[in-house]
Amino acid sequence: MSNNIVDVTMHIDENTTHDDREQLRDKLLQKDGVAAAVYHDDKPHLMVIEYDPQIIKASEFGKIAQESGLHAELIGL
């Protein structure tokens, strides 16, 4: 992974459990180019994803959420 790490915040529309968020985080971390995916249980609708845009596009994150049965949007771009 290069030194070109950026981050984006993803807003998850649904009410999710801790386990739901763990599963989504794990799926994100499996993707090449994703360095971190962080959430806090006190803000369950938000997840910050650190990634290398030379390896993966931010648009992929919404697709990964959708594959998990969730609806999500990127915010703060």
PDB file of N, CA and C in Angstrom:
ATOM      1  N   MET A   1       0.847  -1.176   0.000  1.00  0.00           N
ATOM      2  CA  MET A   1       0.000   0.000   0.000  1.00  0.00           C
ATOM      3  C   MET A   1       0.891   1.237   0.000  1.00  0.00           C
ATOM      4  N   SER A   2       0.484   2.232  -0.754  1.00  0.00           N
ATOM      5  CA  SER A   2       1.281   3.447  -0.854  1.00  0.00           C
ATOM      6  C   SER A   2       1.052   4.347   0.356  1.00  0.00           C
ATOM      7  N   ASN A   3       1.709   5.484   0.360  1.00  0.00           N
ATOM      8  CA  ASN A   3       1.527   6.468   1.424  1.00  0.00           C
ATOM      9  C   ASN A   3       0.368   7.408   1.134  1.00  0.00           C
ATOM     10  N   ASN A   4      -0.411   7.109   0.123  1.00  0.00           N
ATOM     11  CA  ASN A   4      -1.506   7.965  -0.307  1.00  0.00           C
ATOM     12  C   ASN A   4      -2.818   7.527   0.357  1.00  0.00           C
ATOM     13  N   ILE A   5      -2.868   7.530   1.680  1.00  0.00           N
ATOM     14  CA  ILE A   5      -4.049   7.092   2.418  1.00  0.00           C
ATOM     15  C   ILE A   5      -4.953   8.296   2.677  1.00  0.00           C
ATOM     16  N   VAL A   6      -6.223   8.117   2.358  1.00  0.00           N
ATOM     17  CA  VAL A   6      -7.238   9.139   2.616  1.00  0.00           C
ATOM     18  C   VAL A   6      -8.361   8.474   3.410  1.00  0.00           C
ATOM     19  N   ASP A   7      -9.297   9.282   3.886  1.00  0.00           N
ATOM     20  CA  ASP A   7     -10.429   8.671   4.577  1.00  0.00           C
ATOM     21  C   ASP A   7     -11.733   9.287   4.118  1.00  0.00           C
ATOM     22  N   VAL A   8     -12.781   8.526   4.339  1.00  0.00           N
ATOM     23  CA  VAL A   8     -14.130   8.964   4.003  1.00  0.00           C
ATOM     24  C   VAL A   8     -15.043   8.430   5.099  1.00  0.00           C
ATOM     25  N   THR A   9     -16.110   9.169   5.365  1.00  0.00           N
ATOM     26  CA  THR A   9     -17.105   8.731   6.332  1.00  0.00           C
ATOM     27  C   THR A   9     -18.295   8.158   5.587  1.00  0.00           C
ATOM     28  N   MET A  10     -18.725   6.988   6.026  1.00  0.00           N
ATOM     29  CA  MET A  10     -19.890   6.346   5.427  1.00  0.00           C
ATOM     30  C   MET A  10     -21.031   6.395   6.435  1.00  0.00           C
ATOM     31  N   HIS A  11     -22.198   6.845   5.963  1.00  0.00           N
ATOM     32  CA  HIS A  11     -23.398   6.876   6.799  1.00  0.00           C
ATOM     33  C   HIS A  11     -24.251   5.666   6.439  1.00  0.00           C
ATOM     34  N   ILE A  12     -24.559   4.848   7.445  1.00  0.00           N
ATOM     35  CA  ILE A  12     -25.386   3.659   7.263  1.00  0.00           C
ATOM     36  C   ILE A  12     -26.804   4.022   7.669  1.00  0.00           C
ATOM     37  N   ASP A  13     -27.743   3.811   6.756  1.00  0.00           N
ATOM     38  CA  ASP A  13     -29.122   4.233   6.992  1.00  0.00           C
ATOM     39  C   ASP A  13     -29.840   3.404   8.058  1.00  0.00           C
ATOM     40  N   GLU A  14     -29.620   2.107   8.049  1.00  0.00           N
ATOM     41  CA  GLU A  14     -30.338   1.221   8.950  1.00  0.00           C
ATOM     42  C   GLU A  14     -29.804   1.296  10.376  1.00  0.00           C
ATOM     43  N   ASN A  15     -30.671   0.885  11.306  1.00  0.00           N
ATOM     44  CA  ASN A  15     -30.217   0.659  12.678  1.00  0.00           C
ATOM     45  C   ASN A  15     -29.513  -0.689  12.664  1.00  0.00           C
ATOM     46  N   THR A  16     -28.274  -0.714  13.097  1.00  0.00           N
ATOM     47  CA  THR A  16     -27.483  -1.932  13.058  1.00  0.00           C
ATOM     48  C   THR A  16     -27.040  -2.325  14.462  1.00  0.00           C
ATOM     49  N   THR A  17     -26.761  -3.598  14.611  1.00  0.00           N
ATOM     50  CA  THR A  17     -26.228  -4.085  15.875  1.00  0.00           C
ATOM     51  C   THR A  17     -24.705  -3.994  15.831  1.00  0.00           C
ATOM     52  N   HIS A  18     -24.093  -4.190  16.963  1.00  0.00           N
ATOM     53  CA  HIS A  18     -22.638  -4.229  17.032  1.00  0.00           C
ATOM     54  C   HIS A  18     -22.105  -5.317  16.086  1.00  0.00           C
ATOM     55  N   ASP A  19     -22.738  -6.475  16.082  1.00  0.00           N
ATOM     56  CA  ASP A  19     -22.305  -7.575  15.215  1.00  0.00           C
ATOM     57  C   ASP A  19     -22.441  -7.220  13.734  1.00  0.00           C
ATOM     58  N   ASP A  20     -23.520  -6.516  13.367  1.00  0.00           N
ATOM     59  CA  ASP A  20     -23.688  -6.067  11.980  1.00  0.00           C
ATOM     60  C   ASP A  20     -22.515  -5.186  11.568  1.00  0.00           C
ATOM     61  N   ARG A  21     -22.140  -4.257  12.441  1.00  0.00           N
ATOM     62  CA  ARG A  21     -21.049  -3.337  12.130  1.00  0.00           C
ATOM     63  C   ARG A  21     -19.712  -4.061  12.067  1.00  0.00           C
ATOM     64  N   GLU A  22     -19.533  -5.045  12.945  1.00  0.00           N
ATOM     65  CA  GLU A  22     -18.304  -5.850  12.908  1.00  0.00           C
ATOM     66  C   GLU A  22     -18.193  -6.601  11.573  1.00  0.00           C
ATOM     67  N   GLN A  23     -19.290  -7.180  11.127  1.00  0.00           N
ATOM     68  CA  GLN A  23     -19.283  -7.928   9.864  1.00  0.00           C
ATOM     69  C   GLN A  23     -18.984  -7.015   8.686  1.00  0.00           C
ATOM     70  N   LEU A  24     -19.597  -5.831   8.668  1.00  0.00           N
ATOM     71  CA  LEU A  24     -19.325  -4.882   7.589  1.00  0.00           C
ATOM     72  C   LEU A  24     -17.870  -4.439   7.630  1.00  0.00           C
ATOM     73  N   ARG A  25     -17.374  -4.120   8.813  1.00  0.00           N
ATOM     74  CA  ARG A  25     -15.973  -3.728   8.943  1.00  0.00           C
ATOM     75  C   ARG A  25     -15.046  -4.824   8.414  1.00  0.00           C
ATOM     76  N   ASP A  26     -15.327  -6.061   8.779  1.00  0.00           N
ATOM     77  CA  ASP A  26     -14.489  -7.177   8.331  1.00  0.00           C
ATOM     78  C   ASP A  26     -14.503  -7.313   6.810  1.00  0.00           C
ATOM     79  N   LYS A  27     -15.674  -7.130   6.197  1.00  0.00           N
ATOM     80  CA  LYS A  27     -15.767  -7.205   4.729  1.00  0.00           C
ATOM     81  C   LYS A  27     -14.959  -6.091   4.072  1.00  0.00           C
ATOM     82  N   LEU A  28     -15.018  -4.906   4.647  1.00  0.00           N
ATOM     83  CA  LEU A  28     -14.242  -3.788   4.109  1.00  0.00           C
ATOM     84  C   LEU A  28     -12.747  -4.053   4.226  1.00  0.00           C
ATOM     85  N   LEU A  29     -12.327  -4.565   5.372  1.00  0.00           N
ATOM     86  CA  LEU A  29     -10.901  -4.807   5.607  1.00  0.00           C
ATOM     87  C   LEU A  29     -10.338  -5.910   4.714  1.00  0.00           C
ATOM     88  N   GLN A  30     -11.184  -6.745   4.166  1.00  0.00           N
ATOM     89  CA  GLN A  30     -10.736  -7.801   3.255  1.00  0.00           C
ATOM     90  C   GLN A  30     -10.363  -7.256   1.882  1.00  0.00           C
ATOM     91  N   LYS A  31     -10.790  -6.050   1.569  1.00  0.00           N
ATOM     92  CA  LYS A  31     -10.536  -5.466   0.251  1.00  0.00           C
ATOM     93  C   LYS A  31      -9.133  -4.871   0.185  1.00  0.00           C
ATOM     94  N   ASP A  32      -8.442  -5.159  -0.906  1.00  0.00           N
ATOM     95  CA  ASP A  32      -7.134  -4.554  -1.131  1.00  0.00           C
ATOM     96  C   ASP A  32      -7.292  -3.038  -1.162  1.00  0.00           C
ATOM     97  N   GLY A  33      -6.413  -2.355  -0.474  1.00  0.00           N
ATOM     98  CA  GLY A  33      -6.421  -0.897  -0.459  1.00  0.00           C
ATOM     99  C   GLY A  33      -7.088  -0.292   0.756  1.00  0.00           C
ATOM    100  N   VAL A  34      -7.845  -1.093   1.518  1.00  0.00           N
ATOM    101  CA  VAL A  34      -8.489  -0.582   2.730  1.00  0.00           C
ATOM    102  C   VAL A  34      -7.534  -0.789   3.898  1.00  0.00           C
ATOM    103  N   ALA A  35      -7.149   0.311   4.533  1.00  0.00           N
ATOM    104  CA  ALA A  35      -6.201   0.262   5.648  1.00  0.00           C
ATOM    105  C   ALA A  35      -6.909   0.126   6.987  1.00  0.00           C
ATOM    106  N   ALA A  36      -8.107   0.725   7.109  1.00  0.00           N
ATOM    107  CA  ALA A  36      -8.841   0.686   8.379  1.00  0.00           C
ATOM    108  C   ALA A  36     -10.304   0.995   8.120  1.00  0.00           C
ATOM    109  N   ALA A  37     -11.138   0.483   8.983  1.00  0.00           N
ATOM    110  CA  ALA A  37     -12.566   0.808   8.984  1.00  0.00           C
ATOM    111  C   ALA A  37     -12.958   0.894  10.456  1.00  0.00           C
ATOM    112  N   VAL A  38     -13.337   2.087  10.894  1.00  0.00           N
ATOM    113  CA  VAL A  38     -13.530   2.340  12.321  1.00  0.00           C
ATOM    114  C   VAL A  38     -14.939   2.878  12.564  1.00  0.00           C
ATOM    115  N   TYR A  39     -15.558   2.371  13.609  1.00  0.00           N
ATOM    116  CA  TYR A  39     -16.859   2.885  14.043  1.00  0.00           C
ATOM    117  C   TYR A  39     -16.860   2.928  15.562  1.00  0.00           C
ATOM    118  N   HIS A  40     -17.825   3.629  16.111  1.00  0.00           N
ATOM    119  CA  HIS A  40     -18.000   3.702  17.557  1.00  0.00           C
ATOM    120  C   HIS A  40     -19.451   3.372  17.857  1.00  0.00           C
ATOM    121  N   ASP A  41     -19.676   2.533  18.842  1.00  0.00           N
ATOM    122  CA  ASP A  41     -21.035   2.100  19.151  1.00  0.00           C
ATOM    123  C   ASP A  41     -21.958   3.252  19.541  1.00  0.00           C
ATOM    124  N   ASP A  42     -21.397   4.369  20.024  1.00  0.00           N
ATOM    125  CA  ASP A  42     -22.246   5.503  20.392  1.00  0.00           C
ATOM    126  C   ASP A  42     -22.680   6.321  19.170  1.00  0.00           C
ATOM    127  N   LYS A  43     -22.110   6.029  17.992  1.00  0.00           N
ATOM    128  CA  LYS A  43     -22.526   6.657  16.723  1.00  0.00           C
ATOM    129  C   LYS A  43     -22.673   5.544  15.685  1.00  0.00           C
ATOM    130  N   PRO A  44     -23.695   4.700  15.846  1.00  0.00           N
ATOM    131  CA  PRO A  44     -23.797   3.472  15.050  1.00  0.00           C
ATOM    132  C   PRO A  44     -24.057   3.668  13.562  1.00  0.00           C
ATOM    133  N   HIS A  45     -24.421   4.860  13.153  1.00  0.00           N
ATOM    134  CA  HIS A  45     -24.691   5.083  11.732  1.00  0.00           C
ATOM    135  C   HIS A  45     -23.448   5.525  10.951  1.00  0.00           C
ATOM    136  N   LEU A  46     -22.326   5.745  11.640  1.00  0.00           N
ATOM    137  CA  LEU A  46     -21.133   6.279  10.978  1.00  0.00           C
ATOM    138  C   LEU A  46     -19.965   5.302  11.036  1.00  0.00           C
ATOM    139  N   MET A  47     -19.248   5.200   9.919  1.00  0.00           N
ATOM    140  CA  MET A  47     -18.029   4.405   9.863  1.00  0.00           C
ATOM    141  C   MET A  47     -17.006   5.193   9.044  1.00  0.00           C
ATOM    142  N   VAL A  48     -15.806   5.335   9.570  1.00  0.00           N
ATOM    143  CA  VAL A  48     -14.729   6.018   8.862  1.00  0.00           C
ATOM    144  C   VAL A  48     -13.835   4.955   8.227  1.00  0.00           C
ATOM    145  N   ILE A  49     -13.606   5.102   6.934  1.00  0.00           N
ATOM    146  CA  ILE A  49     -12.812   4.136   6.184  1.00  0.00           C
ATOM    147  C   ILE A  49     -11.565   4.827   5.671  1.00  0.00           C
ATOM    148  N   GLU A  50     -10.405   4.274   6.002  1.00  0.00           N
ATOM    149  CA  GLU A  50      -9.127   4.767   5.489  1.00  0.00           C
ATOM    150  C   GLU A  50      -8.697   3.848   4.364  1.00  0.00           C
ATOM    151  N   TYR A  51      -8.330   4.450   3.226  1.00  0.00           N
ATOM    152  CA  TYR A  51      -8.039   3.631   2.058  1.00  0.00           C
ATOM    153  C   TYR A  51      -7.062   4.337   1.125  1.00  0.00           C
ATOM    154  N   ASP A  52      -6.539   3.562   0.205  1.00  0.00           N
ATOM    155  CA  ASP A  52      -5.635   4.069  -0.820  1.00  0.00           C
ATOM    156  C   ASP A  52      -6.433   4.202  -2.122  1.00  0.00           C
ATOM    157  N   PRO A  53      -6.718   5.429  -2.556  1.00  0.00           N
ATOM    158  CA  PRO A  53      -7.539   5.619  -3.755  1.00  0.00           C
ATOM    159  C   PRO A  53      -6.862   5.149  -5.041  1.00  0.00           C
ATOM    160  N   GLN A  54      -5.575   4.852  -4.974  1.00  0.00           N
ATOM    161  CA  GLN A  54      -4.905   4.297  -6.147  1.00  0.00           C
ATOM    162  C   GLN A  54      -5.210   2.808  -6.302  1.00  0.00           C
ATOM    163  N   ILE A  55      -5.731   2.198  -5.236  1.00  0.00           N
ATOM    164  CA  ILE A  55      -6.016   0.766  -5.262  1.00  0.00           C
ATOM    165  C   ILE A  55      -7.518   0.480  -5.317  1.00  0.00           C
ATOM    166  N   ILE A  56      -8.306   1.243  -4.560  1.00  0.00           N
ATOM    167  CA  ILE A  56      -9.749   1.019  -4.501  1.00  0.00           C
ATOM    168  C   ILE A  56     -10.477   2.353  -4.558  1.00  0.00           C
ATOM    169  N   LYS A  57     -11.599   2.368  -5.223  1.00  0.00           N
ATOM    170  CA  LYS A  57     -12.419   3.575  -5.334  1.00  0.00           C
ATOM    171  C   LYS A  57     -13.424   3.623  -4.182  1.00  0.00           C
ATOM    172  N   ALA A  58     -13.701   4.806  -3.683  1.00  0.00           N
ATOM    173  CA  ALA A  58     -14.634   4.982  -2.575  1.00  0.00           C
ATOM    174  C   ALA A  58     -16.028   4.473  -2.927  1.00  0.00           C
ATOM    175  N   SER A  59     -16.390   4.505  -4.186  1.00  0.00           N
ATOM    176  CA  SER A  59     -17.710   4.031  -4.602  1.00  0.00           C
ATOM    177  C   SER A  59     -17.911   2.550  -4.288  1.00  0.00           C
ATOM    178  N   GLU A  60     -16.837   1.808  -4.121  1.00  0.00           N
ATOM    179  CA  GLU A  60     -16.931   0.386  -3.786  1.00  0.00           C
ATOM    180  C   GLU A  60     -17.517   0.164  -2.391  1.00  0.00           C
ATOM    181  N   PHE A  61     -17.355   1.124  -1.497  1.00  0.00           N
ATOM    182  CA  PHE A  61     -17.791   0.933  -0.118  1.00  0.00           C
ATOM    183  C   PHE A  61     -19.307   0.823  -0.014  1.00  0.00           C
ATOM    184  N   GLY A  62     -20.019   1.619  -0.781  1.00  0.00           N
ATOM    185  CA  GLY A  62     -21.478   1.516  -0.802  1.00  0.00           C
ATOM    186  C   GLY A  62     -21.939   0.179  -1.354  1.00  0.00           C
ATOM    187  N   LYS A  63     -21.221  -0.329  -2.341  1.00  0.00           N
ATOM    188  CA  LYS A  63     -21.553  -1.639  -2.908  1.00  0.00           C
ATOM    189  C   LYS A  63     -21.349  -2.745  -1.878  1.00  0.00           C
ATOM    190  N   ILE A  64     -20.289  -2.637  -1.107  1.00  0.00           N
ATOM    191  CA  ILE A  64     -20.012  -3.633  -0.073  1.00  0.00           C
ATOM    192  C   ILE A  64     -21.114  -3.591   0.991  1.00  0.00           C
ATOM    193  N   ALA A  65     -21.536  -2.397   1.369  1.00  0.00           N
ATOM    194  CA  ALA A  65     -22.637  -2.272   2.336  1.00  0.00           C
ATOM    195  C   ALA A  65     -23.907  -2.886   1.762  1.00  0.00           C
ATOM    196  N   GLN A  66     -24.170  -2.619   0.493  1.00  0.00           N
ATOM    197  CA  GLN A  66     -25.374  -3.142  -0.154  1.00  0.00           C
ATOM    198  C   GLN A  66     -25.349  -4.667  -0.190  1.00  0.00           C
ATOM    199  N   GLU A  67     -24.196  -5.243  -0.450  1.00  0.00           N
ATOM    200  CA  GLU A  67     -24.058  -6.703  -0.438  1.00  0.00           C
ATOM    201  C   GLU A  67     -24.340  -7.268   0.946  1.00  0.00           C
ATOM    202  N   SER A  68     -24.203  -6.436   1.965  1.00  0.00           N
ATOM    203  CA  SER A  68     -24.479  -6.844   3.346  1.00  0.00           C
ATOM    204  C   SER A  68     -25.920  -6.539   3.736  1.00  0.00           C
ATOM    205  N   GLY A  69     -26.725  -6.100   2.774  1.00  0.00           N
ATOM    206  CA  GLY A  69     -28.126  -5.795   3.036  1.00  0.00           C
ATOM    207  C   GLY A  69     -28.357  -4.426   3.650  1.00  0.00           C
ATOM    208  N   LEU A  70     -27.378  -3.529   3.508  1.00  0.00           N
ATOM    209  CA  LEU A  70     -27.481  -2.198   4.090  1.00  0.00           C
ATOM    210  C   LEU A  70     -27.507  -1.138   2.997  1.00  0.00           C
ATOM    211  N   HIS A  71     -28.036   0.006   3.352  1.00  0.00           N
ATOM    212  CA  HIS A  71     -28.014   1.179   2.471  1.00  0.00           C
ATOM    213  C   HIS A  71     -27.077   2.198   3.121  1.00  0.00           C
ATOM    214  N   ALA A  72     -26.143   2.724   2.340  1.00  0.00           N
ATOM    215  CA  ALA A  72     -25.170   3.653   2.903  1.00  0.00           C
ATOM    216  C   ALA A  72     -24.756   4.694   1.878  1.00  0.00           C
ATOM    217  N   GLU A  73     -24.375   5.855   2.377  1.00  0.00           N
ATOM    218  CA  GLU A  73     -23.895   6.942   1.541  1.00  0.00           C
ATOM    219  C   GLU A  73     -22.564   7.421   2.112  1.00  0.00           C
ATOM    220  N   LEU A  74     -21.721   7.900   1.215  1.00  0.00           N
ATOM    221  CA  LEU A  74     -20.475   8.520   1.641  1.00  0.00           C
ATOM    222  C   LEU A  74     -20.748   9.982   1.926  1.00  0.00           C
ATOM    223  N   ILE A  75     -20.200  10.485   3.025  1.00  0.00           N
ATOM    224  CA  ILE A  75     -20.385  11.892   3.376  1.00  0.00           C
ATOM    225  C   ILE A  75     -19.030  12.526   3.608  1.00  0.00           C
ATOM    226  N   GLY A  76     -18.960  13.816   3.440  1.00  0.00           N
ATOM    227  CA  GLY A  76     -17.737  14.546   3.714  1.00  0.00           C
ATOM    228  C   GLY A  76     -16.692  14.434   2.624  1.00  0.00           C
ATOM    229  N   LEU A  77     -17.105  14.164   1.395  1.00  0.00           N
ATOM    230  CA  LEU A  77     -16.145  14.082   0.288  1.00  0.00           C
ATOM    231  C   LEU A  77     -15.738  15.459  -0.162  1.00  0.00           C
TER     232      LEU A  77
END
